[in-house]
């Protein structure tokens, strides 16, 4: 049961991080802060890749 709760917490935390970084990117673009947008955008992409690997691991698609 603890492993299941931990799995859900990992996935929820990663999704929350993706949403947060994407919203920071959109906010930075709206405020014409190109440097902040250039920092947050790749971080959001890295989190999306992390989420894909995390989900594949939880589904048993990765050995």
N, C-alpha and C. Protein backbone atom coordinates (compact mmCIF):
# COMPACT_ATOMS: atom_id res chain seq x y z
N UNK A 1 0.82 -1.19 0.00
CA UNK A 1 0.00 0.00 0.00
C UNK A 1 0.86 1.26 0.00
N UNK A 2 1.96 1.24 0.76
CA UNK A 2 2.83 2.41 0.79
C UNK A 2 3.43 2.70 -0.58
N UNK A 3 3.77 1.63 -1.32
CA UNK A 3 4.34 1.83 -2.65
C UNK A 3 3.31 2.47 -3.58
N UNK A 4 2.05 2.10 -3.45
CA UNK A 4 1.00 2.68 -4.29
C UNK A 4 0.82 4.17 -3.97
N UNK A 5 0.80 4.52 -2.69
CA UNK A 5 0.67 5.91 -2.29
C UNK A 5 1.87 6.72 -2.79
N UNK A 6 3.06 6.14 -2.67
CA UNK A 6 4.26 6.81 -3.16
C UNK A 6 4.22 7.00 -4.67
N UNK A 7 3.70 6.02 -5.39
CA UNK A 7 3.60 6.12 -6.84
C UNK A 7 2.67 7.25 -7.24
N UNK A 8 1.52 7.32 -6.58
CA UNK A 8 0.58 8.40 -6.87
C UNK A 8 1.18 9.76 -6.52
N UNK A 9 1.88 9.83 -5.41
CA UNK A 9 2.50 11.09 -5.00
C UNK A 9 3.56 11.54 -6.00
N UNK A 10 4.34 10.60 -6.52
CA UNK A 10 5.34 10.94 -7.54
C UNK A 10 4.69 11.50 -8.79
N UNK A 11 3.65 10.84 -9.24
CA UNK A 11 2.98 11.26 -10.47
C UNK A 11 2.29 12.61 -10.27
N UNK A 12 1.58 12.77 -9.17
CA UNK A 12 0.88 14.03 -8.90
C UNK A 12 1.87 15.17 -8.74
N UNK A 13 2.97 14.92 -8.05
CA UNK A 13 3.99 15.95 -7.87
C UNK A 13 4.63 16.36 -9.17
N UNK A 14 4.89 15.40 -10.04
CA UNK A 14 5.50 15.71 -11.33
C UNK A 14 4.54 16.49 -12.22
N UNK A 15 3.27 16.11 -12.22
CA UNK A 15 2.27 16.84 -13.01
C UNK A 15 2.13 18.27 -12.48
N UNK A 16 2.13 18.43 -11.17
CA UNK A 16 2.04 19.76 -10.58
C UNK A 16 3.24 20.61 -10.97
N UNK A 17 4.42 20.01 -11.00
CA UNK A 17 5.62 20.75 -11.40
C UNK A 17 5.52 21.19 -12.86
N UNK A 18 5.00 20.32 -13.73
CA UNK A 18 4.84 20.67 -15.14
C UNK A 18 3.87 21.85 -15.29
N UNK A 19 2.75 21.77 -14.60
CA UNK A 19 1.75 22.85 -14.67
C UNK A 19 2.35 24.16 -14.16
N UNK A 20 3.08 24.08 -13.05
CA UNK A 20 3.67 25.28 -12.48
C UNK A 20 4.68 25.91 -13.44
N UNK A 21 5.57 25.12 -14.01
CA UNK A 21 6.59 25.66 -14.90
C UNK A 21 5.98 26.19 -16.19
N UNK A 22 4.94 25.53 -16.70
CA UNK A 22 4.27 26.04 -17.90
C UNK A 22 3.57 27.35 -17.61
N UNK A 23 2.95 27.46 -16.43
CA UNK A 23 2.29 28.72 -16.08
C UNK A 23 3.31 29.84 -15.87
N UNK A 24 4.46 29.52 -15.29
CA UNK A 24 5.52 30.52 -15.14
C UNK A 24 6.01 30.99 -16.50
N UNK A 25 6.12 30.06 -17.46
CA UNK A 25 6.57 30.42 -18.80
C UNK A 25 5.57 31.36 -19.47
N UNK A 26 4.28 31.01 -19.38
CA UNK A 26 3.25 31.85 -19.99
C UNK A 26 3.21 33.23 -19.33
N UNK A 27 3.35 33.27 -18.02
CA UNK A 27 3.36 34.55 -17.31
C UNK A 27 4.55 35.40 -17.72
N UNK A 28 5.72 34.77 -17.85
CA UNK A 28 6.92 35.51 -18.25
C UNK A 28 6.78 36.07 -19.66
N UNK A 29 6.19 35.31 -20.56
CA UNK A 29 5.98 35.79 -21.92
C UNK A 29 4.98 36.94 -21.92
N UNK A 30 3.94 36.82 -21.11
CA UNK A 30 2.93 37.88 -21.06
C UNK A 30 3.50 39.19 -20.51
N UNK A 31 4.49 39.08 -19.63
CA UNK A 31 5.10 40.27 -19.04
C UNK A 31 6.35 40.72 -19.80
N UNK A 32 6.59 40.15 -20.98
CA UNK A 32 7.74 40.48 -21.82
C UNK A 32 9.08 40.26 -21.11
N UNK A 33 9.18 39.19 -20.37
CA UNK A 33 10.44 38.82 -19.71
C UNK A 33 11.01 37.59 -20.42
N UNK A 34 11.75 37.86 -21.48
CA UNK A 34 12.25 36.79 -22.33
C UNK A 34 13.24 35.88 -21.61
N UNK A 35 14.06 36.43 -20.73
CA UNK A 35 15.06 35.63 -20.03
C UNK A 35 14.39 34.61 -19.11
N UNK A 36 13.37 35.03 -18.39
CA UNK A 36 12.66 34.10 -17.51
C UNK A 36 11.96 33.01 -18.31
N UNK A 37 11.36 33.41 -19.43
CA UNK A 37 10.69 32.42 -20.28
C UNK A 37 11.70 31.43 -20.85
N UNK A 38 12.89 31.91 -21.18
CA UNK A 38 13.93 31.03 -21.71
C UNK A 38 14.44 30.06 -20.65
N UNK A 39 14.32 30.42 -19.40
CA UNK A 39 14.74 29.51 -18.31
C UNK A 39 13.65 28.50 -17.99
N UNK A 40 12.41 28.96 -17.88
CA UNK A 40 11.33 28.07 -17.44
C UNK A 40 10.87 27.10 -18.52
N UNK A 41 10.95 27.48 -19.78
CA UNK A 41 10.47 26.62 -20.86
C UNK A 41 11.25 25.30 -20.94
N UNK A 42 12.58 25.30 -20.97
CA UNK A 42 13.30 24.01 -21.00
C UNK A 42 13.10 23.19 -19.73
N UNK A 43 12.93 23.88 -18.60
CA UNK A 43 12.68 23.15 -17.36
C UNK A 43 11.35 22.41 -17.43
N UNK A 44 10.35 23.02 -18.04
CA UNK A 44 9.05 22.37 -18.21
C UNK A 44 9.17 21.16 -19.13
N UNK A 45 9.95 21.29 -20.19
CA UNK A 45 10.14 20.16 -21.12
C UNK A 45 10.87 19.01 -20.42
N UNK A 46 11.86 19.32 -19.61
CA UNK A 46 12.58 18.28 -18.86
C UNK A 46 11.63 17.57 -17.91
N UNK A 47 10.74 18.31 -17.26
CA UNK A 47 9.77 17.68 -16.36
C UNK A 47 8.79 16.80 -17.13
N UNK A 48 8.42 17.19 -18.35
CA UNK A 48 7.54 16.35 -19.16
C UNK A 48 8.23 15.05 -19.54
N UNK A 49 9.51 15.12 -19.86
CA UNK A 49 10.27 13.90 -20.17
C UNK A 49 10.38 13.02 -18.94
N UNK A 50 10.65 13.63 -17.79
CA UNK A 50 10.70 12.89 -16.54
C UNK A 50 9.37 12.20 -16.26
N UNK A 51 8.26 12.91 -16.49
CA UNK A 51 6.94 12.33 -16.29
C UNK A 51 6.72 11.14 -17.20
N UNK A 52 7.15 11.23 -18.45
CA UNK A 52 6.98 10.11 -19.39
C UNK A 52 7.75 8.88 -18.91
N UNK A 53 8.99 9.07 -18.45
CA UNK A 53 9.76 7.94 -17.93
C UNK A 53 9.16 7.39 -16.65
N UNK A 54 8.68 8.26 -15.78
CA UNK A 54 8.07 7.84 -14.52
C UNK A 54 6.82 7.01 -14.79
N UNK A 55 5.99 7.48 -15.70
CA UNK A 55 4.77 6.76 -16.03
C UNK A 55 5.08 5.43 -16.70
N UNK A 56 6.06 5.42 -17.59
CA UNK A 56 6.44 4.16 -18.24
C UNK A 56 6.97 3.16 -17.23
N UNK A 57 7.70 3.64 -16.24
CA UNK A 57 8.21 2.76 -15.19
C UNK A 57 7.08 2.19 -14.36
N UNK A 58 6.11 3.02 -14.01
CA UNK A 58 4.97 2.57 -13.19
C UNK A 58 4.09 1.58 -13.96
N UNK A 59 4.01 1.74 -15.27
CA UNK A 59 3.21 0.83 -16.08
C UNK A 59 3.96 -0.45 -16.45
N UNK A 60 5.23 -0.51 -16.09
CA UNK A 60 6.04 -1.70 -16.35
C UNK A 60 6.57 -1.79 -17.77
N UNK A 61 6.65 -0.66 -18.45
CA UNK A 61 7.14 -0.66 -19.83
C UNK A 61 8.65 -0.55 -19.92
N UNK A 62 9.31 -0.22 -18.79
CA UNK A 62 10.76 -0.07 -18.75
C UNK A 62 11.31 -1.15 -17.83
N UNK A 63 12.34 -1.80 -18.29
CA UNK A 63 12.95 -2.86 -17.46
C UNK A 63 13.91 -2.28 -16.46
